[in-house]
PDB file of N, CA and C in Angstrom:
ATOM      1  N   UNK A   1       2.622  -6.701  19.238  1.00  0.00           N
ATOM      2  CA  UNK A   1       3.408  -5.677  19.412  1.00  0.00           C
ATOM      3  C   UNK A   1       3.095  -5.306  20.990  1.00  0.00           C
ATOM      4  N   UNK A   2       4.586  -4.436  21.028  1.00  0.00           N
ATOM      5  CA  UNK A   2       4.863  -4.211  22.583  1.00  0.00           C
ATOM      6  C   UNK A   2       5.816  -3.051  22.298  1.00  0.00           C
ATOM      7  N   UNK A   3       5.033  -1.850  23.336  1.00  0.00           N
ATOM      8  CA  UNK A   3       6.041  -0.733  23.410  1.00  0.00           C
ATOM      9  C   UNK A   3       6.750  -0.744  24.695  1.00  0.00           C
ATOM     10  N   UNK A   4       7.977  -0.331  24.707  1.00  0.00           N
ATOM     11  CA  UNK A   4       9.395  -0.166  25.543  1.00  0.00           C
ATOM     12  C   UNK A   4       8.354   0.581  26.756  1.00  0.00           C
ATOM     13  N   UNK A   5       8.611  -0.004  27.856  1.00  0.00           N
ATOM     14  CA  UNK A   5       8.021   0.888  28.857  1.00  0.00           C
ATOM     15  C   UNK A   5       8.458   2.151  29.456  1.00  0.00           C
ATOM     16  N   UNK A   6       9.396   2.526  28.631  1.00  0.00           N
ATOM     17  CA  UNK A   6      10.037   4.307  28.866  1.00  0.00           C
ATOM     18  C   UNK A   6       8.956   4.995  28.122  1.00  0.00           C
ATOM     19  N   UNK A   7       8.325   4.412  27.209  1.00  0.00           N
ATOM     20  CA  UNK A   7       7.393   5.359  26.083  1.00  0.00           C
ATOM     21  C   UNK A   7       5.912   4.955  26.326  1.00  0.00           C
ATOM     22  N   UNK A   8       5.772   3.844  27.213  1.00  0.00           N
ATOM     23  CA  UNK A   8       4.153   3.504  27.131  1.00  0.00           C
ATOM     24  C   UNK A   8       3.385   4.898  27.941  1.00  0.00           C
ATOM     25  N   UNK A   9       2.205   4.822  27.500  1.00  0.00           N
ATOM     26  CA  UNK A   9       1.000   5.652  27.620  1.00  0.00           C
ATOM     27  C   UNK A   9       1.592   6.936  27.003  1.00  0.00           C
ATOM     28  N   UNK A  10       1.961   7.176  25.918  1.00  0.00           N
ATOM     29  CA  UNK A  10       2.252   8.298  24.992  1.00  0.00           C
ATOM     30  C   UNK A  10       1.683   8.446  23.677  1.00  0.00           C
ATOM     31  N   UNK A  11       0.818   7.320  23.560  1.00  0.00           N
ATOM     32  CA  UNK A  11      -0.007   7.107  22.313  1.00  0.00           C
ATOM     33  C   UNK A  11       0.954   6.319  20.994  1.00  0.00           C
ATOM     34  N   UNK A  12       1.921   5.907  21.296  1.00  0.00           N
ATOM     35  CA  UNK A  12       2.579   5.391  20.180  1.00  0.00           C
ATOM     36  C   UNK A  12       1.875   3.978  19.904  1.00  0.00           C
ATOM     37  N   UNK A  13       1.681   3.136  20.915  1.00  0.00           N
ATOM     38  CA  UNK A  13       1.208   1.888  20.476  1.00  0.00           C
ATOM     39  C   UNK A  13      -0.234   2.076  19.691  1.00  0.00           C
ATOM     40  N   UNK A  14      -0.974   3.034  20.004  1.00  0.00           N
ATOM     41  CA  UNK A  14      -2.482   3.521  19.264  1.00  0.00           C
ATOM     42  C   UNK A  14      -1.799   3.573  17.820  1.00  0.00           C
ATOM     43  N   UNK A  15      -0.915   4.792  17.852  1.00  0.00           N
ATOM     44  CA  UNK A  15      -0.371   4.864  16.238  1.00  0.00           C
ATOM     45  C   UNK A  15      -0.141   3.821  15.728  1.00  0.00           C
ATOM     46  N   UNK A  16       0.748   2.914  16.117  1.00  0.00           N
ATOM     47  CA  UNK A  16       0.864   1.491  15.130  1.00  0.00           C
ATOM     48  C   UNK A  16      -0.362   0.981  14.806  1.00  0.00           C
ATOM     49  N   UNK A  17      -0.937   0.770  15.776  1.00  0.00           N
ATOM     50  CA  UNK A  17      -2.121   0.107  15.888  1.00  0.00           C
ATOM     51  C   UNK A  17      -3.271   0.623  14.562  1.00  0.00           C
ATOM     52  N   UNK A  18      -3.415   1.644  14.681  1.00  0.00           N
ATOM     53  CA  UNK A  18      -4.204   2.337  13.536  1.00  0.00           C
ATOM     54  C   UNK A  18      -3.625   2.292  12.404  1.00  0.00           C
ATOM     55  N   UNK A  19      -2.238   2.174  12.424  1.00  0.00           N
ATOM     56  CA  UNK A  19      -1.543   2.055  10.818  1.00  0.00           C
ATOM     57  C   UNK A  19      -1.475   0.851  10.343  1.00  0.00           C
ATOM     58  N   UNK A  20      -1.569  -0.289  11.083  1.00  0.00           N
ATOM     59  CA  UNK A  20      -1.724  -1.673  10.638  1.00  0.00           C
ATOM     60  C   UNK A  20      -3.209  -2.081  10.353  1.00  0.00           C
ATOM     61  N   UNK A  21      -4.200  -1.023  11.008  1.00  0.00           N
ATOM     62  CA  UNK A  21      -5.291  -1.360  10.501  1.00  0.00           C
ATOM     63  C   UNK A  21      -5.651  -0.705   9.237  1.00  0.00           C
ATOM     64  N   UNK A  22      -5.258   0.602   9.145  1.00  0.00           N
ATOM     65  CA  UNK A  22      -5.227   1.174   7.884  1.00  0.00           C
ATOM     66  C   UNK A  22      -4.950   0.302   6.460  1.00  0.00           C
ATOM     67  N   UNK A  23      -3.462  -0.200   6.893  1.00  0.00           N
ATOM     68  CA  UNK A  23      -2.931  -1.100   5.853  1.00  0.00           C
ATOM     69  C   UNK A  23      -3.886  -2.206   5.637  1.00  0.00           C
ATOM     70  N   UNK A  24      -4.052  -2.975   6.618  1.00  0.00           N
ATOM     71  CA  UNK A  24      -4.964  -4.139   6.382  1.00  0.00           C
ATOM     72  C   UNK A  24      -6.438  -3.940   5.697  1.00  0.00           C
ATOM     73  N   UNK A  25      -7.202  -2.574   5.713  1.00  0.00           N
ATOM     74  CA  UNK A  25      -8.096  -2.151   5.196  1.00  0.00           C
ATOM     75  C   UNK A  25      -8.022  -1.965   3.950  1.00  0.00           C
ATOM     76  N   UNK A  26      -6.900  -1.308   3.324  1.00  0.00           N
ATOM     77  CA  UNK A  26      -6.330  -0.771   2.216  1.00  0.00           C
ATOM     78  C   UNK A  26      -5.972  -2.142   1.152  1.00  0.00           C
ATOM     79  N   UNK A  27      -5.593  -3.057   1.915  1.00  0.00           N
ATOM     80  CA  UNK A  27      -5.192  -4.530   1.379  1.00  0.00           C
ATOM     81  C   UNK A  27      -6.601  -5.499   1.027  1.00  0.00           C
ATOM     82  N   UNK A  28      -7.632  -4.724   1.434  1.00  0.00           N
ATOM     83  CA  UNK A  28      -9.014  -5.670   1.376  1.00  0.00           C
ATOM     84  C   UNK A  28      -9.154  -6.813   2.546  1.00  0.00           C
ATOM     85  N   UNK A  29      -8.551  -6.222   3.395  1.00  0.00           N
ATOM     86  CA  UNK A  29      -8.992  -7.424   4.824  1.00  0.00           C
ATOM     87  C   UNK A  29     -10.100  -7.020   5.408  1.00  0.00           C
ATOM     88  N   UNK A  30     -10.896  -8.386   5.788  1.00  0.00           N
ATOM     89  CA  UNK A  30     -12.143  -7.746   6.589  1.00  0.00           C
ATOM     90  C   UNK A  30     -12.217  -7.702   8.015  1.00  0.00           C
ATOM     91  N   UNK A  31     -11.142  -8.374   8.616  1.00  0.00           N
ATOM     92  CA  UNK A  31     -10.672  -8.338   9.800  1.00  0.00           C
ATOM     93  C   UNK A  31      -9.210  -8.356  10.251  1.00  0.00           C
ATOM     94  N   UNK A  32      -8.762  -7.825  11.389  1.00  0.00           N
ATOM     95  CA  UNK A  32      -7.432  -7.864  11.962  1.00  0.00           C
ATOM     96  C   UNK A  32      -7.475  -8.987  13.390  1.00  0.00           C
ATOM     97  N   UNK A  33      -6.229  -9.503  13.352  1.00  0.00           N
ATOM     98  CA  UNK A  33      -6.507 -10.127  15.080  1.00  0.00           C
ATOM     99  C   UNK A  33      -4.961  -9.950  15.198  1.00  0.00           C
ATOM    100  N   UNK A  34      -4.908 -10.393  16.694  1.00  0.00           N
ATOM    101  CA  UNK A  34      -3.504 -10.391  17.814  1.00  0.00           C
ATOM    102  C   UNK A  34      -3.743 -11.478  18.552  1.00  0.00           C
ATOM    103  N   UNK A  35      -2.328 -11.577  18.981  1.00  0.00           N
ATOM    104  CA  UNK A  35      -2.398 -12.470  20.329  1.00  0.00           C
ATOM    105  C   UNK A  35      -2.023 -11.516  21.330  1.00  0.00           C
ATOM    106  N   UNK A  36      -2.948 -11.191  22.296  1.00  0.00           N
ATOM    107  CA  UNK A  36      -3.104 -10.078  23.176  1.00  0.00           C
ATOM    108  C   UNK A  36      -2.488 -10.578  24.689  1.00  0.00           C
ATOM    109  N   UNK A  37      -1.803 -10.055  25.168  1.00  0.00           N
ATOM    110  CA  UNK A  37      -1.010 -10.667  26.277  1.00  0.00           C
ATOM    111  C   UNK A  37      -2.398  -9.975  27.444  1.00  0.00           C
ATOM    112  N   UNK A  38      -2.481 -11.063  28.720  1.00  0.00           N
ATOM    113  CA  UNK A  38      -3.397 -10.692  29.380  1.00  0.00           C
ATOM    114  C   UNK A  38      -3.205  -9.178  30.044  1.00  0.00           C
ATOM    115  N   UNK A  39      -2.088  -8.410  30.041  1.00  0.00           N
ATOM    116  CA  UNK A  39      -1.714  -7.130  30.257  1.00  0.00           C
ATOM    117  C   UNK A  39      -2.380  -6.139  29.374  1.00  0.00           C
ATOM    118  N   UNK A  40      -2.197  -6.708  28.206  1.00  0.00           N
ATOM    119  CA  UNK A  40      -2.933  -5.796  27.114  1.00  0.00           C
ATOM    120  C   UNK A  40      -4.252  -5.632  26.909  1.00  0.00           C
ATOM    121  N   UNK A  41      -5.283  -6.418  27.281  1.00  0.00           N
ATOM    122  CA  UNK A  41      -6.768  -6.678  27.026  1.00  0.00           C
ATOM    123  C   UNK A  41      -7.136  -5.263  26.843  1.00  0.00           C
ATOM    124  N   UNK A  42      -7.010  -4.717  28.187  1.00  0.00           N
ATOM    125  CA  UNK A  42      -7.786  -3.271  28.092  1.00  0.00           C
ATOM    126  C   UNK A  42      -7.403  -2.333  26.964  1.00  0.00           C
ATOM    127  N   UNK A  43      -5.987  -2.263  26.373  1.00  0.00           N
ATOM    128  CA  UNK A  43      -5.691  -1.769  25.123  1.00  0.00           C
ATOM    129  C   UNK A  43      -6.473  -1.902  24.101  1.00  0.00           C
ATOM    130  N   UNK A  44      -6.338  -3.066  23.689  1.00  0.00           N
ATOM    131  CA  UNK A  44      -7.193  -3.667  22.507  1.00  0.00           C
ATOM    132  C   UNK A  44      -8.767  -3.520  23.004  1.00  0.00           C
ATOM    133  N   UNK A  45      -9.217  -3.703  23.833  1.00  0.00           N
ATOM    134  CA  UNK A  45     -10.802  -3.517  23.924  1.00  0.00           C
ATOM    135  C   UNK A  45     -11.182  -1.780  23.909  1.00  0.00           C
ATOM    136  N   UNK A  46     -10.402  -1.361  24.327  1.00  0.00           N
ATOM    137  CA  UNK A  46     -10.465   0.209  23.886  1.00  0.00           C
ATOM    138  C   UNK A  46     -10.428   0.582  22.665  1.00  0.00           C
ATOM    139  N   UNK A  47      -9.907  -0.172  21.642  1.00  0.00           N
ATOM    140  CA  UNK A  47      -9.952  -0.294  20.135  1.00  0.00           C
ATOM    141  C   UNK A  47     -10.615  -0.798  19.464  1.00  0.00           C
ATOM    142  N   UNK A  48     -11.774  -1.421  20.140  1.00  0.00           N
ATOM    143  CA  UNK A  48     -12.789  -2.198  19.636  1.00  0.00           C
ATOM    144  C   UNK A  48     -12.448  -3.631  19.225  1.00  0.00           C
ATOM    145  N   UNK A  49     -11.491  -4.438  19.778  1.00  0.00           N
ATOM    146  CA  UNK A  49     -10.998  -5.533  19.671  1.00  0.00           C
ATOM    147  C   UNK A  49     -11.982  -6.454  20.351  1.00  0.00           C
ATOM    148  N   UNK A  50     -12.368  -7.601  20.240  1.00  0.00           N
ATOM    149  CA  UNK A  50     -13.089  -8.534  20.944  1.00  0.00           C
ATOM    150  C   UNK A  50     -12.133  -9.616  21.163  1.00  0.00           C
ATOM    151  N   UNK A  51     -12.163 -10.608  22.137  1.00  0.00           N
ATOM    152  CA  UNK A  51     -11.604 -11.744  22.553  1.00  0.00           C
ATOM    153  C   UNK A  51     -12.551 -12.755  21.962  1.00  0.00           C
ATOM    154  N   UNK A  52     -11.531 -13.783  21.430  1.00  0.00           N
ATOM    155  CA  UNK A  52     -11.895 -15.060  20.523  1.00  0.00           C
ATOM    156  C   UNK A  52     -11.362 -16.298  21.122  1.00  0.00           C
ATOM    157  N   UNK A  53     -12.230 -17.284  21.553  1.00  0.00           N
ATOM    158  CA  UNK A  53     -11.509 -18.412  22.224  1.00  0.00           C
ATOM    159  C   UNK A  53     -11.195 -18.248  23.351  1.00  0.00           C
ATOM    160  N   UNK A  54     -10.560 -19.349  23.973  1.00  0.00           N
ATOM    161  CA  UNK A  54     -10.075 -19.536  25.276  1.00  0.00           C
ATOM    162  C   UNK A  54      -8.401 -18.977  25.449  1.00  0.00           C
ATOM    163  N   UNK A  55      -8.254 -18.528  26.833  1.00  0.00           N
ATOM    164  CA  UNK A  55      -6.739 -18.215  27.059  1.00  0.00           C
ATOM    165  C   UNK A  55      -5.805 -19.481  26.800  1.00  0.00           C
ATOM    166  N   UNK A  56      -4.616 -18.683  26.333  1.00  0.00           N
ATOM    167  CA  UNK A  56      -3.547 -19.913  26.094  1.00  0.00           C
ATOM    168  C   UNK A  56      -2.321 -19.291  26.421  1.00  0.00           C
ATOM    169  N   UNK A  57      -1.355 -20.177  26.366  1.00  0.00           N
ATOM    170  CA  UNK A  57       0.177 -19.626  26.829  1.00  0.00           C
ATOM    171  C   UNK A  57       1.104 -19.887  25.718  1.00  0.00           C
ATOM    172  N   UNK A  58       1.845 -18.979  25.683  1.00  0.00           N
ATOM    173  CA  UNK A  58       3.087 -18.681  24.915  1.00  0.00           C
ATOM    174  C   UNK A  58       4.148 -18.742  25.778  1.00  0.00           C
ATOM    175  N   UNK A  59       5.052 -19.839  25.520  1.00  0.00           N
ATOM    176  CA  UNK A  59       6.215 -20.173  25.962  1.00  0.00           C
ATOM    177  C   UNK A  59       7.138 -18.702  26.309  1.00  0.00           C
ATOM    178  N   UNK A  60       7.828 -18.547  27.671  1.00  0.00           N
ATOM    179  CA  UNK A  60       8.599 -17.438  27.772  1.00  0.00           C
ATOM    180  C   UNK A  60       7.988 -16.033  27.890  1.00  0.00           C
ATOM    181  N   UNK A  61       6.669 -16.130  27.573  1.00  0.00           N
ATOM    182  CA  UNK A  61       5.932 -14.594  27.582  1.00  0.00           C
ATOM    183  C   UNK A  61       4.615 -14.499  28.356  1.00  0.00           C
ATOM    184  N   UNK A  62       4.059 -15.993  28.055  1.00  0.00           N
ATOM    185  CA  UNK A  62       2.722 -15.923  29.049  1.00  0.00           C
ATOM    186  C   UNK A  62       1.356 -15.972  28.702  1.00  0.00           C
ATOM    187  N   UNK A  63       0.349 -15.655  29.540  1.00  0.00           N
ATOM    188  CA  UNK A  63      -0.995 -16.144  29.078  1.00  0.00           C
ATOM    189  C   UNK A  63      -1.396 -15.266  28.054  1.00  0.00           C
ATOM    190  N   UNK A  64      -2.116 -15.621  27.133  1.00  0.00           N
ATOM    191  CA  UNK A  64      -2.672 -14.654  25.786  1.00  0.00           C
ATOM    192  C   UNK A  64      -4.165 -14.955  25.492  1.00  0.00           C
ATOM    193  N   UNK A  65      -4.888 -13.786  24.904  1.00  0.00           N
ATOM    194  CA  UNK A  65      -6.201 -14.495  24.155  1.00  0.00           C
ATOM    195  C   UNK A  65      -6.017 -13.791  22.829  1.00  0.00           C
ATOM    196  N   UNK A  66      -6.789 -14.546  21.684  1.00  0.00           N
ATOM    197  CA  UNK A  66      -6.491 -14.116  20.295  1.00  0.00           C
ATOM    198  C   UNK A  66      -7.687 -13.058  20.220  1.00  0.00           C
ATOM    199  N   UNK A  67      -7.980 -11.960  19.669  1.00  0.00           N
ATOM    200  CA  UNK A  67      -8.554 -10.627  19.993  1.00  0.00           C
ATOM    201  C   UNK A  67      -8.483 -10.414  18.317  1.00  0.00           C
ATOM    202  N   UNK A  68      -9.802  -9.941  18.041  1.00  0.00           N
ATOM    203  CA  UNK A  68     -10.038  -9.531  16.617  1.00  0.00           C
ATOM    204  C   UNK A  68     -10.979  -8.173  16.368  1.00  0.00           C
ATOM    205  N   UNK A  69     -10.779  -7.378  15.431  1.00  0.00           N
ATOM    206  CA  UNK A  69     -11.684  -6.426  15.243  1.00  0.00           C
ATOM    207  C   UNK A  69     -12.012  -6.681  13.829  1.00  0.00           C
ATOM    208  N   UNK A  70     -13.358  -6.398  13.508  1.00  0.00           N
ATOM    209  CA  UNK A  70     -14.193  -6.252  12.172  1.00  0.00           C
ATOM    210  C   UNK A  70     -13.715  -5.059  11.262  1.00  0.00           C
ATOM    211  N   UNK A  71     -13.028  -5.143  10.303  1.00  0.00           N
ATOM    212  CA  UNK A  71     -12.691  -3.879   9.608  1.00  0.00           C
ATOM    213  C   UNK A  71     -13.726  -3.607   8.387  1.00  0.00           C
ATOM    214  N   UNK A  72     -14.735  -4.547   8.265  1.00  0.00           N
ATOM    215  CA  UNK A  72     -15.824  -3.904   7.516  1.00  0.00           C
ATOM    216  C   UNK A  72     -17.339  -3.162   7.966  1.00  0.00           C
TER     217      UNK A  72
END
């Protein structure tokens, strides 16, 4: 997920994330995960996501970590 720089810091990303989490919960998921850009780690950490594994690179995008949140 990415939010255009013109609308960052307005709560849209958090609303999208919470909708995705609610959908996952409603469909019986135990956890939710993402490939988080280095610059987005703080956002996900504030929303209770934890880093799993080693840093990795996605071509043309940059460095990432897998982040997960337990939904149970």
